[in-house]
Structures are given as structure tokens and as C-alpha cells.
Amino acid sequence: MSDIKFGVFLPTFGEGVTYQLNLDVTLTAEKLGFDSAWVCDHLFGVYSLAEKPSGLYPDILECWTTLSALAAKTSKIRLGTSVVAIPYRNPAVLAKMAATLDVI
């Protein structure tokens, strides 16, 4: 029988999102014993047009930069992406980014 693991999805997009908010959530999750924290790899987010006429989120943090900054501040929580937008990056660059994050 395998152990059940719990993770949190970080608030990396939406009005007023900040790195500090993501760091606070991640450190709290780590302190509470969560196994992982996840971010989305989107270059922009969208509201429904009923929520916001422009349809675009005003604030969204870049996935790999956010993960790297969080990795430098955490000690045991695992970090990951819920999705990877492969068409936006050269595969070799993406592999190097993930390897560097792993080292951090």
C-alpha cells in the first residue's frame, strides 16, 4: 500500500498576486507537512468576459522563475508544475531550466 501525499496549488495568478504571497503559502504548507507545492506554466491567464471585460489577468508570475525562488527558501517540500507549456520554450532550454531548479 502506498502513502497518500498532499500538495497545494499556489496562487500565481489573479489580481494582486505577489511572490511574497506564494512564499508565505509554500512555507506554511511545508511547516504543516504538505508534500508538494504546484504552479501553472502559463504566460497569461484569462478571466471569463463576465468577470473582466478585457479577459486578461493583470498579474501572473512566470512558473520557472517562481519555482527557483521558492526552492531557494524551502528545505523539504517538493515543487513542481501542474502543466508545462512546451511550445513556448526550446526543449534543450527547458531541460536545462528543470535541471538547474533541481540543483537549487
PDB file of N, CA and C in Angstrom:
ATOM      1  N   MET A   1       0.850  -1.174   0.000  1.00  0.00           N
ATOM      2  CA  MET A   1       0.000   0.000   0.000  1.00  0.00           C
ATOM      3  C   MET A   1       0.897   1.240   0.000  1.00  0.00           C
ATOM      4  N   SER A   2       0.590   2.190  -0.858  1.00  0.00           N
ATOM      5  CA  SER A   2       1.399   3.405  -0.934  1.00  0.00           C
ATOM      6  C   SER A   2       0.844   4.484  -0.006  1.00  0.00           C
ATOM      7  N   ASP A   3       1.729   5.385   0.373  1.00  0.00           N
ATOM      8  CA  ASP A   3       1.327   6.503   1.218  1.00  0.00           C
ATOM      9  C   ASP A   3       0.561   7.530   0.402  1.00  0.00           C
ATOM     10  N   ILE A   4      -0.420   8.128   1.015  1.00  0.00           N
ATOM     11  CA  ILE A   4      -1.148   9.229   0.381  1.00  0.00           C
ATOM     12  C   ILE A   4      -0.333  10.495   0.584  1.00  0.00           C
ATOM     13  N   LYS A   5      -0.212  11.296  -0.469  1.00  0.00           N
ATOM     14  CA  LYS A   5       0.541  12.546  -0.395  1.00  0.00           C
ATOM     15  C   LYS A   5      -0.394  13.696  -0.696  1.00  0.00           C
ATOM     16  N   PHE A   6      -0.123  14.835  -0.060  1.00  0.00           N
ATOM     17  CA  PHE A   6      -0.950  16.018  -0.248  1.00  0.00           C
ATOM     18  C   PHE A   6      -0.094  17.178  -0.715  1.00  0.00           C
ATOM     19  N   GLY A   7      -0.643  17.931  -1.670  1.00  0.00           N
ATOM     20  CA  GLY A   7       0.043  19.105  -2.175  1.00  0.00           C
ATOM     21  C   GLY A   7      -0.895  20.292  -2.220  1.00  0.00           C
ATOM     22  N   VAL A   8      -0.323  21.464  -2.490  1.00  0.00           N
ATOM     23  CA  VAL A   8      -1.107  22.686  -2.622  1.00  0.00           C
ATOM     24  C   VAL A   8      -0.831  23.305  -3.988  1.00  0.00           C
ATOM     25  N   PHE A   9      -1.845  23.943  -4.534  1.00  0.00           N
ATOM     26  CA  PHE A   9      -1.693  24.692  -5.781  1.00  0.00           C
ATOM     27  C   PHE A   9      -1.503  26.152  -5.391  1.00  0.00           C
ATOM     28  N   LEU A  10      -0.408  26.738  -5.837  1.00  0.00           N
ATOM     29  CA  LEU A  10      -0.065  28.093  -5.428  1.00  0.00           C
ATOM     30  C   LEU A  10      -0.804  29.148  -6.242  1.00  0.00           C
ATOM     31  N   PRO A  11      -1.098  30.279  -5.605  1.00  0.00           N
ATOM     32  CA  PRO A  11      -1.832  31.366  -6.280  1.00  0.00           C
ATOM     33  C   PRO A  11      -0.894  32.251  -7.104  1.00  0.00           C
ATOM     34  N   THR A  12      -0.492  31.769  -8.278  1.00  0.00           N
ATOM     35  CA  THR A  12       0.472  32.509  -9.094  1.00  0.00           C
ATOM     36  C   THR A  12      -0.171  33.454 -10.103  1.00  0.00           C
ATOM     37  N   PHE A  13      -1.506  33.513 -10.102  1.00  0.00           N
ATOM     38  CA  PHE A  13      -2.156  34.471 -10.997  1.00  0.00           C
ATOM     39  C   PHE A  13      -3.421  35.008 -10.357  1.00  0.00           C
ATOM     40  N   GLY A  14      -3.837  36.167 -10.812  1.00  0.00           N
ATOM     41  CA  GLY A  14      -5.012  36.834 -10.269  1.00  0.00           C
ATOM     42  C   GLY A  14      -4.628  38.222  -9.787  1.00  0.00           C
ATOM     43  N   GLU A  15      -5.610  39.014  -9.523  1.00  0.00           N
ATOM     44  CA  GLU A  15      -5.349  40.391  -9.099  1.00  0.00           C
ATOM     45  C   GLU A  15      -4.575  40.415  -7.788  1.00  0.00           C
ATOM     46  N   GLY A  16      -3.505  41.194  -7.781  1.00  0.00           N
ATOM     47  CA  GLY A  16      -2.730  41.394  -6.572  1.00  0.00           C
ATOM     48  C   GLY A  16      -1.799  40.266  -6.181  1.00  0.00           C
ATOM     49  N   VAL A  17      -1.612  39.270  -7.035  1.00  0.00           N
ATOM     50  CA  VAL A  17      -0.720  38.170  -6.692  1.00  0.00           C
ATOM     51  C   VAL A  17       0.708  38.685  -6.551  1.00  0.00           C
ATOM     52  N   THR A  18       1.423  38.141  -5.560  1.00  0.00           N
ATOM     53  CA  THR A  18       2.804  38.537  -5.340  1.00  0.00           C
ATOM     54  C   THR A  18       3.662  37.304  -5.067  1.00  0.00           C
ATOM     55  N   TYR A  19       4.959  37.482  -5.226  1.00  0.00           N
ATOM     56  CA  TYR A  19       5.891  36.413  -4.848  1.00  0.00           C
ATOM     57  C   TYR A  19       5.786  36.156  -3.350  1.00  0.00           C
ATOM     58  N   GLN A  20       5.692  37.224  -2.560  1.00  0.00           N
ATOM     59  CA  GLN A  20       5.635  37.060  -1.104  1.00  0.00           C
ATOM     60  C   GLN A  20       4.450  36.193  -0.690  1.00  0.00           C
ATOM     61  N   LEU A  21       3.303  36.383  -1.319  1.00  0.00           N
ATOM     62  CA  LEU A  21       2.132  35.550  -1.037  1.00  0.00           C
ATOM     63  C   LEU A  21       2.453  34.088  -1.328  1.00  0.00           C
ATOM     64  N   ASN A  22       3.078  33.836  -2.472  1.00  0.00           N
ATOM     65  CA  ASN A  22       3.425  32.461  -2.834  1.00  0.00           C
ATOM     66  C   ASN A  22       4.447  31.867  -1.877  1.00  0.00           C
ATOM     67  N   LEU A  23       5.416  32.664  -1.451  1.00  0.00           N
ATOM     68  CA  LEU A  23       6.402  32.186  -0.487  1.00  0.00           C
ATOM     69  C   LEU A  23       5.724  31.861   0.844  1.00  0.00           C
ATOM     70  N   ASP A  24       4.844  32.738   1.310  1.00  0.00           N
ATOM     71  CA  ASP A  24       4.140  32.507   2.576  1.00  0.00           C
ATOM     72  C   ASP A  24       3.306  31.227   2.526  1.00  0.00           C
ATOM     73  N   VAL A  25       2.588  31.029   1.426  1.00  0.00           N
ATOM     74  CA  VAL A  25       1.765  29.823   1.278  1.00  0.00           C
ATOM     75  C   VAL A  25       2.652  28.576   1.255  1.00  0.00           C
ATOM     76  N   THR A  26       3.748  28.639   0.521  1.00  0.00           N
ATOM     77  CA  THR A  26       4.647  27.490   0.410  1.00  0.00           C
ATOM     78  C   THR A  26       5.286  27.148   1.749  1.00  0.00           C
ATOM     79  N   LEU A  27       5.783  28.154   2.456  1.00  0.00           N
ATOM     80  CA  LEU A  27       6.415  27.898   3.752  1.00  0.00           C
ATOM     81  C   LEU A  27       5.412  27.379   4.775  1.00  0.00           C
ATOM     82  N   THR A  28       4.186  27.889   4.729  1.00  0.00           N
ATOM     83  CA  THR A  28       3.138  27.392   5.626  1.00  0.00           C
ATOM     84  C   THR A  28       2.809  25.943   5.294  1.00  0.00           C
ATOM     85  N   ALA A  29       2.681  25.640   4.011  1.00  0.00           N
ATOM     86  CA  ALA A  29       2.392  24.266   3.590  1.00  0.00           C
ATOM     87  C   ALA A  29       3.514  23.319   4.026  1.00  0.00           C
ATOM     88  N   GLU A  30       4.748  23.777   3.872  1.00  0.00           N
ATOM     89  CA  GLU A  30       5.889  22.953   4.287  1.00  0.00           C
ATOM     90  C   GLU A  30       5.845  22.711   5.797  1.00  0.00           C
ATOM     91  N   LYS A  31       5.577  23.752   6.556  1.00  0.00           N
ATOM     92  CA  LYS A  31       5.502  23.650   8.021  1.00  0.00           C
ATOM     93  C   LYS A  31       4.381  22.705   8.461  1.00  0.00           C
ATOM     94  N   LEU A  32       3.273  22.720   7.717  1.00  0.00           N
ATOM     95  CA  LEU A  32       2.126  21.867   8.055  1.00  0.00           C
ATOM     96  C   LEU A  32       2.282  20.422   7.578  1.00  0.00           C
ATOM     97  N   GLY A  33       3.369  20.147   6.840  1.00  0.00           N
ATOM     98  CA  GLY A  33       3.634  18.779   6.414  1.00  0.00           C
ATOM     99  C   GLY A  33       3.131  18.406   5.032  1.00  0.00           C
ATOM    100  N   PHE A  34       2.720  19.385   4.245  1.00  0.00           N
ATOM    101  CA  PHE A  34       2.331  19.072   2.871  1.00  0.00           C
ATOM    102  C   PHE A  34       3.549  18.555   2.120  1.00  0.00           C
ATOM    103  N   ASP A  35       3.310  17.664   1.168  1.00  0.00           N
ATOM    104  CA  ASP A  35       4.398  17.044   0.426  1.00  0.00           C
ATOM    105  C   ASP A  35       4.885  17.885  -0.746  1.00  0.00           C
ATOM    106  N   SER A  36       3.993  18.685  -1.334  1.00  0.00           N
ATOM    107  CA  SER A  36       4.371  19.386  -2.557  1.00  0.00           C
ATOM    108  C   SER A  36       3.596  20.686  -2.723  1.00  0.00           C
ATOM    109  N   ALA A  37       4.155  21.551  -3.582  1.00  0.00           N
ATOM    110  CA  ALA A  37       3.504  22.804  -3.968  1.00  0.00           C
ATOM    111  C   ALA A  37       3.635  22.922  -5.481  1.00  0.00           C
ATOM    112  N   TRP A  38       2.561  23.350  -6.135  1.00  0.00           N
ATOM    113  CA  TRP A  38       2.486  23.333  -7.599  1.00  0.00           C
ATOM    114  C   TRP A  38       2.120  24.704  -8.149  1.00  0.00           C
ATOM    115  N   VAL A  39       2.685  25.024  -9.296  1.00  0.00           N
ATOM    116  CA  VAL A  39       2.330  26.250 -10.014  1.00  0.00           C
ATOM    117  C   VAL A  39       1.954  25.879 -11.442  1.00  0.00           C
ATOM    118  N   CYS A  40       1.275  26.785 -12.115  1.00  0.00           N
ATOM    119  CA  CYS A  40       0.925  26.545 -13.509  1.00  0.00           C
ATOM    120  C   CYS A  40       1.940  27.245 -14.407  1.00  0.00           C
ATOM    121  N   ASP A  41       2.175  26.700 -15.564  1.00  0.00           N
ATOM    122  CA  ASP A  41       3.117  27.276 -16.517  1.00  0.00           C
ATOM    123  C   ASP A  41       2.333  27.927 -17.646  1.00  0.00           C
ATOM    124  N   HIS A  42       1.743  29.064 -17.344  1.00  0.00           N
ATOM    125  CA  HIS A  42       1.009  29.823 -18.348  1.00  0.00           C
ATOM    126  C   HIS A  42       1.651  31.189 -18.468  1.00  0.00           C
ATOM    127  N   LEU A  43       1.725  31.700 -19.676  1.00  0.00           N
ATOM    128  CA  LEU A  43       2.303  33.019 -19.880  1.00  0.00           C
ATOM    129  C   LEU A  43       1.288  34.124 -19.624  1.00  0.00           C
ATOM    130  N   PHE A  44       0.029  33.778 -19.670  1.00  0.00           N
ATOM    131  CA  PHE A  44      -1.031  34.715 -19.328  1.00  0.00           C
ATOM    132  C   PHE A  44      -2.229  33.906 -18.858  1.00  0.00           C
ATOM    133  N   GLY A  45      -3.090  34.539 -18.100  1.00  0.00           N
ATOM    134  CA  GLY A  45      -4.299  33.886 -17.627  1.00  0.00           C
ATOM    135  C   GLY A  45      -5.496  34.643 -18.147  1.00  0.00           C
ATOM    136  N   VAL A  46      -6.614  33.989 -18.124  1.00  0.00           N
ATOM    137  CA  VAL A  46      -7.813  34.651 -18.629  1.00  0.00           C
ATOM    138  C   VAL A  46      -8.964  34.533 -17.634  1.00  0.00           C
ATOM    139  N   TYR A  47      -9.718  35.595 -17.540  1.00  0.00           N
ATOM    140  CA  TYR A  47     -10.980  35.602 -16.820  1.00  0.00           C
ATOM    141  C   TYR A  47     -12.069  35.271 -17.834  1.00  0.00           C
ATOM    142  N   SER A  48     -13.225  34.921 -17.333  1.00  0.00           N
ATOM    143  CA  SER A  48     -14.364  34.909 -18.237  1.00  0.00           C
ATOM    144  C   SER A  48     -14.686  36.372 -18.534  1.00  0.00           C
ATOM    145  N   LEU A  49     -15.233  36.650 -19.667  1.00  0.00           N
ATOM    146  CA  LEU A  49     -15.545  38.032 -20.022  1.00  0.00           C
ATOM    147  C   LEU A  49     -16.569  38.644 -19.073  1.00  0.00           C
ATOM    148  N   ALA A  50     -17.364  37.794 -18.412  1.00  0.00           N
ATOM    149  CA  ALA A  50     -18.319  38.304 -17.431  1.00  0.00           C
ATOM    150  C   ALA A  50     -17.598  38.836 -16.191  1.00  0.00           C
ATOM    151  N   GLU A  51     -16.435  38.236 -15.865  1.00  0.00           N
ATOM    152  CA  GLU A  51     -15.671  38.678 -14.701  1.00  0.00           C
ATOM    153  C   GLU A  51     -14.868  39.948 -14.975  1.00  0.00           C
ATOM    154  N   LYS A  52     -14.297  40.034 -16.167  1.00  0.00           N
ATOM    155  CA  LYS A  52     -13.429  41.160 -16.505  1.00  0.00           C
ATOM    156  C   LYS A  52     -13.517  41.395 -18.005  1.00  0.00           C
ATOM    157  N   PRO A  53     -13.961  42.547 -18.425  1.00  0.00           N
ATOM    158  CA  PRO A  53     -14.175  42.799 -19.856  1.00  0.00           C
ATOM    159  C   PRO A  53     -12.954  42.571 -20.745  1.00  0.00           C
ATOM    160  N   SER A  54     -11.740  42.860 -20.251  1.00  0.00           N
ATOM    161  CA  SER A  54     -10.553  42.642 -21.082  1.00  0.00           C
ATOM    162  C   SER A  54     -10.240  41.162 -21.222  1.00  0.00           C
ATOM    163  N   GLY A  55     -10.694  40.360 -20.262  1.00  0.00           N
ATOM    164  CA  GLY A  55     -10.452  38.926 -20.300  1.00  0.00           C
ATOM    165  C   GLY A  55      -9.095  38.497 -19.786  1.00  0.00           C
ATOM    166  N   LEU A  56      -8.168  39.427 -19.527  1.00  0.00           N
ATOM    167  CA  LEU A  56      -6.818  39.058 -19.112  1.00  0.00           C
ATOM    168  C   LEU A  56      -6.573  39.313 -17.633  1.00  0.00           C
ATOM    169  N   TYR A  57      -5.835  38.397 -16.994  1.00  0.00           N
ATOM    170  CA  TYR A  57      -5.394  38.621 -15.622  1.00  0.00           C
ATOM    171  C   TYR A  57      -4.361  39.740 -15.634  1.00  0.00           C
ATOM    172  N   PRO A  58      -4.444  40.659 -14.699  1.00  0.00           N
ATOM    173  CA  PRO A  58      -3.450  41.724 -14.670  1.00  0.00           C
ATOM    174  C   PRO A  58      -2.099  41.252 -14.127  1.00  0.00           C
ATOM    175  N   ASP A  59      -2.104  40.217 -13.313  1.00  0.00           N
ATOM    176  CA  ASP A  59      -0.877  39.757 -12.670  1.00  0.00           C
ATOM    177  C   ASP A  59      -0.736  38.243 -12.823  1.00  0.00           C
ATOM    178  N   ILE A  60       0.433  37.803 -13.284  1.00  0.00           N
ATOM    179  CA  ILE A  60       0.728  36.372 -13.347  1.00  0.00           C
ATOM    180  C   ILE A  60       2.234  36.197 -13.237  1.00  0.00           C
ATOM    181  N   LEU A  61       2.653  35.308 -12.349  1.00  0.00           N
ATOM    182  CA  LEU A  61       4.071  35.055 -12.148  1.00  0.00           C
ATOM    183  C   LEU A  61       4.544  33.971 -13.111  1.00  0.00           C
ATOM    184  N   GLU A  62       5.757  34.113 -13.602  1.00  0.00           N
ATOM    185  CA  GLU A  62       6.334  33.112 -14.500  1.00  0.00           C
ATOM    186  C   GLU A  62       6.714  31.884 -13.676  1.00  0.00           C
ATOM    187  N   CYS A  63       6.352  30.732 -14.170  1.00  0.00           N
ATOM    188  CA  CYS A  63       6.455  29.466 -13.451  1.00  0.00           C
ATOM    189  C   CYS A  63       7.876  29.118 -12.995  1.00  0.00           C
ATOM    190  N   TRP A  64       8.810  29.032 -13.905  1.00  0.00           N
ATOM    191  CA  TRP A  64      10.145  28.531 -13.586  1.00  0.00           C
ATOM    192  C   TRP A  64      10.920  29.491 -12.701  1.00  0.00           C
ATOM    193  N   THR A  65      10.732  30.775 -12.882  1.00  0.00           N
ATOM    194  CA  THR A  65      11.374  31.764 -12.020  1.00  0.00           C
ATOM    195  C   THR A  65      10.809  31.665 -10.606  1.00  0.00           C
ATOM    196  N   THR A  66       9.501  31.528 -10.496  1.00  0.00           N
ATOM    197  CA  THR A  66       8.848  31.393  -9.200  1.00  0.00           C
ATOM    198  C   THR A  66       9.324  30.140  -8.478  1.00  0.00           C
ATOM    199  N   LEU A  67       9.353  29.012  -9.179  1.00  0.00           N
ATOM    200  CA  LEU A  67       9.810  27.763  -8.564  1.00  0.00           C
ATOM    201  C   LEU A  67      11.251  27.872  -8.074  1.00  0.00           C
ATOM    202  N   SER A  68      12.109  28.509  -8.872  1.00  0.00           N
ATOM    203  CA  SER A  68      13.513  28.647  -8.474  1.00  0.00           C
ATOM    204  C   SER A  68      13.646  29.508  -7.222  1.00  0.00           C
ATOM    205  N   ALA A  69      12.890  30.599  -7.163  1.00  0.00           N
ATOM    206  CA  ALA A  69      12.938  31.465  -5.980  1.00  0.00           C
ATOM    207  C   ALA A  69      12.414  30.729  -4.752  1.00  0.00           C
ATOM    208  N   LEU A  70      11.351  29.951  -4.922  1.00  0.00           N
ATOM    209  CA  LEU A  70      10.798  29.190  -3.798  1.00  0.00           C
ATOM    210  C   LEU A  70      11.763  28.091  -3.353  1.00  0.00           C
ATOM    211  N   ALA A  71      12.421  27.456  -4.297  1.00  0.00           N
ATOM    212  CA  ALA A  71      13.359  26.377  -3.964  1.00  0.00           C
ATOM    213  C   ALA A  71      14.497  26.876  -3.086  1.00  0.00           C
ATOM    214  N   ALA A  72      14.911  28.105  -3.318  1.00  0.00           N
ATOM    215  CA  ALA A  72      15.997  28.680  -2.523  1.00  0.00           C
ATOM    216  C   ALA A  72      15.579  28.956  -1.085  1.00  0.00           C
ATOM    217  N   LYS A  73      14.269  28.984  -0.811  1.00  0.00           N
ATOM    218  CA  LYS A  73      13.766  29.335   0.520  1.00  0.00           C
ATOM    219  C   LYS A  73      13.141  28.153   1.273  1.00  0.00           C
ATOM    220  N   THR A  74      13.027  27.012   0.621  1.00  0.00           N
ATOM    221  CA  THR A  74      12.391  25.852   1.247  1.00  0.00           C
ATOM    222  C   THR A  74      13.432  24.769   1.504  1.00  0.00           C
ATOM    223  N   SER A  75      13.041  23.765   2.301  1.00  0.00           N
ATOM    224  CA  SER A  75      14.015  22.721   2.597  1.00  0.00           C
ATOM    225  C   SER A  75      13.562  21.304   2.243  1.00  0.00           C
ATOM    226  N   LYS A  76      12.273  21.020   2.348  1.00  0.00           N
ATOM    227  CA  LYS A  76      11.878  19.642   2.042  1.00  0.00           C
ATOM    228  C   LYS A  76      10.621  19.496   1.180  1.00  0.00           C
ATOM    229  N   ILE A  77       9.821  20.528   1.060  1.00  0.00           N
ATOM    230  CA  ILE A  77       8.630  20.415   0.225  1.00  0.00           C
ATOM    231  C   ILE A  77       9.058  20.274  -1.236  1.00  0.00           C
ATOM    232  N   ARG A  78       8.386  19.420  -1.969  1.00  0.00           N
ATOM    233  CA  ARG A  78       8.713  19.232  -3.387  1.00  0.00           C
ATOM    234  C   ARG A  78       7.949  20.267  -4.200  1.00  0.00           C
ATOM    235  N   LEU A  79       8.576  20.773  -5.231  1.00  0.00           N
ATOM    236  CA  LEU A  79       7.973  21.812  -6.070  1.00  0.00           C
ATOM    237  C   LEU A  79       7.803  21.294  -7.481  1.00  0.00           C
ATOM    238  N   GLY A  80       6.721  21.722  -8.128  1.00  0.00           N
ATOM    239  CA  GLY A  80       6.506  21.261  -9.491  1.00  0.00           C
ATOM    240  C   GLY A  80       5.530  22.121 -10.261  1.00  0.00           C
ATOM    241  N   THR A  81       5.381  21.778 -11.525  1.00  0.00           N
ATOM    242  CA  THR A  81       4.441  22.470 -12.398  1.00  0.00           C
ATOM    243  C   THR A  81       3.252  21.559 -12.660  1.00  0.00           C
ATOM    244  N   SER A  82       2.077  22.140 -12.692  1.00  0.00           N
ATOM    245  CA  SER A  82       0.883  21.349 -12.990  1.00  0.00           C
ATOM    246  C   SER A  82       0.791  21.076 -14.488  1.00  0.00           C
ATOM    247  N   VAL A  83       1.462  21.899 -15.257  1.00  0.00           N
ATOM    248  CA  VAL A  83       1.498  21.758 -16.711  1.00  0.00           C
ATOM    249  C   VAL A  83       2.768  22.456 -17.187  1.00  0.00           C
ATOM    250  N   VAL A  84       3.326  22.013 -18.296  1.00  0.00           N
ATOM    251  CA  VAL A  84       4.489  22.673 -18.889  1.00  0.00           C
ATOM    252  C   VAL A  84       4.114  23.091 -20.307  1.00  0.00           C
ATOM    253  N   ALA A  85       4.244  24.365 -20.590  1.00  0.00           N
ATOM    254  CA  ALA A  85       3.915  24.900 -21.916  1.00  0.00           C
ATOM    255  C   ALA A  85       5.113  24.711 -22.847  1.00  0.00           C
ATOM    256  N   ILE A  86       5.291  23.503 -23.326  1.00  0.00           N
ATOM    257  CA  ILE A  86       6.465  23.137 -24.126  1.00  0.00           C
ATOM    258  C   ILE A  86       6.625  23.989 -25.384  1.00  0.00           C
ATOM    259  N   PRO A  87       5.564  24.349 -26.096  1.00  0.00           N
ATOM    260  CA  PRO A  87       5.772  25.124 -27.330  1.00  0.00           C
ATOM    261  C   PRO A  87       6.408  26.501 -27.118  1.00  0.00           C
ATOM    262  N   TYR A  88       6.406  26.998 -25.896  1.00  0.00           N
ATOM    263  CA  TYR A  88       6.978  28.317 -25.627  1.00  0.00           C
ATOM    264  C   TYR A  88       8.489  28.295 -25.446  1.00  0.00           C
ATOM    265  N   ARG A  89       9.067  27.115 -25.264  1.00  0.00           N
ATOM    266  CA  ARG A  89      10.493  27.037 -24.955  1.00  0.00           C
ATOM    267  C   ARG A  89      11.176  25.957 -25.779  1.00  0.00           C
ATOM    268  N   ASN A  90      12.404  26.222 -26.139  1.00  0.00           N
ATOM    269  CA  ASN A  90      13.227  25.211 -26.788  1.00  0.00           C
ATOM    270  C   ASN A  90      13.386  24.044 -25.802  1.00  0.00           C
ATOM    271  N   PRO A  91      13.224  22.792 -26.247  1.00  0.00           N
ATOM    272  CA  PRO A  91      13.310  21.656 -25.326  1.00  0.00           C
ATOM    273  C   PRO A  91      14.635  21.574 -24.561  1.00  0.00           C
ATOM    274  N   ALA A  92      15.729  21.928 -25.197  1.00  0.00           N
ATOM    275  CA  ALA A  92      17.020  21.890 -24.502  1.00  0.00           C
ATOM    276  C   ALA A  92      17.080  22.949 -23.407  1.00  0.00           C
ATOM    277  N   VAL A  93      16.520  24.128 -23.673  1.00  0.00           N
ATOM    278  CA  VAL A  93      16.492  25.194 -22.665  1.00  0.00           C
ATOM    279  C   VAL A  93      15.581  24.774 -21.506  1.00  0.00           C
ATOM    280  N   LEU A  94      14.438  24.194 -21.808  1.00  0.00           N
ATOM    281  CA  LEU A  94      13.517  23.733 -20.765  1.00  0.00           C
ATOM    282  C   LEU A  94      14.186  22.665 -19.904  1.00  0.00           C
ATOM    283  N   ALA A  95      14.908  21.740 -20.527  1.00  0.00           N
ATOM    284  CA  ALA A  95      15.614  20.706 -19.769  1.00  0.00           C
ATOM    285  C   ALA A  95      16.663  21.324 -18.850  1.00  0.00           C
ATOM    286  N   LYS A  96      17.381  22.323 -19.342  1.00  0.00           N
ATOM    287  CA  LYS A  96      18.395  22.998 -18.528  1.00  0.00           C
ATOM    288  C   LYS A  96      17.741  23.756 -17.375  1.00  0.00           C
ATOM    289  N   MET A  97      16.600  24.386 -17.633  1.00  0.00           N
ATOM    290  CA  MET A  97      15.877  25.099 -16.587  1.00  0.00           C
ATOM    291  C   MET A  97      15.457  24.124 -15.481  1.00  0.00           C
ATOM    292  N   ALA A  98      14.912  22.972 -15.860  1.00  0.00           N
ATOM    293  CA  ALA A  98      14.470  21.991 -14.874  1.00  0.00           C
ATOM    294  C   ALA A  98      15.650  21.407 -14.106  1.00  0.00           C
ATOM    295  N   ALA A  99      16.760  21.175 -14.781  1.00  0.00           N
ATOM    296  CA  ALA A  99      17.951  20.641 -14.107  1.00  0.00           C
ATOM    297  C   ALA A  99      18.515  21.656 -13.114  1.00  0.00           C
ATOM    298  N   THR A 100      18.519  22.937 -13.502  1.00  0.00           N
ATOM    299  CA  THR A 100      19.006  23.986 -12.602  1.00  0.00           C
ATOM    300  C   THR A 100      18.093  24.102 -11.392  1.00  0.00           C
ATOM    301  N   LEU A 101      16.792  24.063 -11.604  1.00  0.00           N
ATOM    302  CA  LEU A 101      15.837  24.105 -10.492  1.00  0.00           C
ATOM    303  C   LEU A 101      16.099  22.933  -9.539  1.00  0.00           C
ATOM    304  N   ASP A 102      16.356  21.750 -10.072  1.00  0.00           N
ATOM    305  CA  ASP A 102      16.622  20.583  -9.246  1.00  0.00           C
ATOM    306  C   ASP A 102      17.851  20.797  -8.372  1.00  0.00           C
ATOM    307  N   VAL A 103      18.879  21.431  -8.904  1.00  0.00           N
ATOM    308  CA  VAL A 103      20.097  21.707  -8.136  1.00  0.00           C
ATOM    309  C   VAL A 103      19.807  22.718  -7.016  1.00  0.00           C
ATOM    310  N   ILE A 104      19.015  23.747  -7.343  1.00  0.00           N
ATOM    311  CA  ILE A 104      18.668  24.762  -6.337  1.00  0.00           C
ATOM    312  C   ILE A 104      17.905  24.121  -5.194  1.00  0.00           C
TER     313      ILE A 104
END
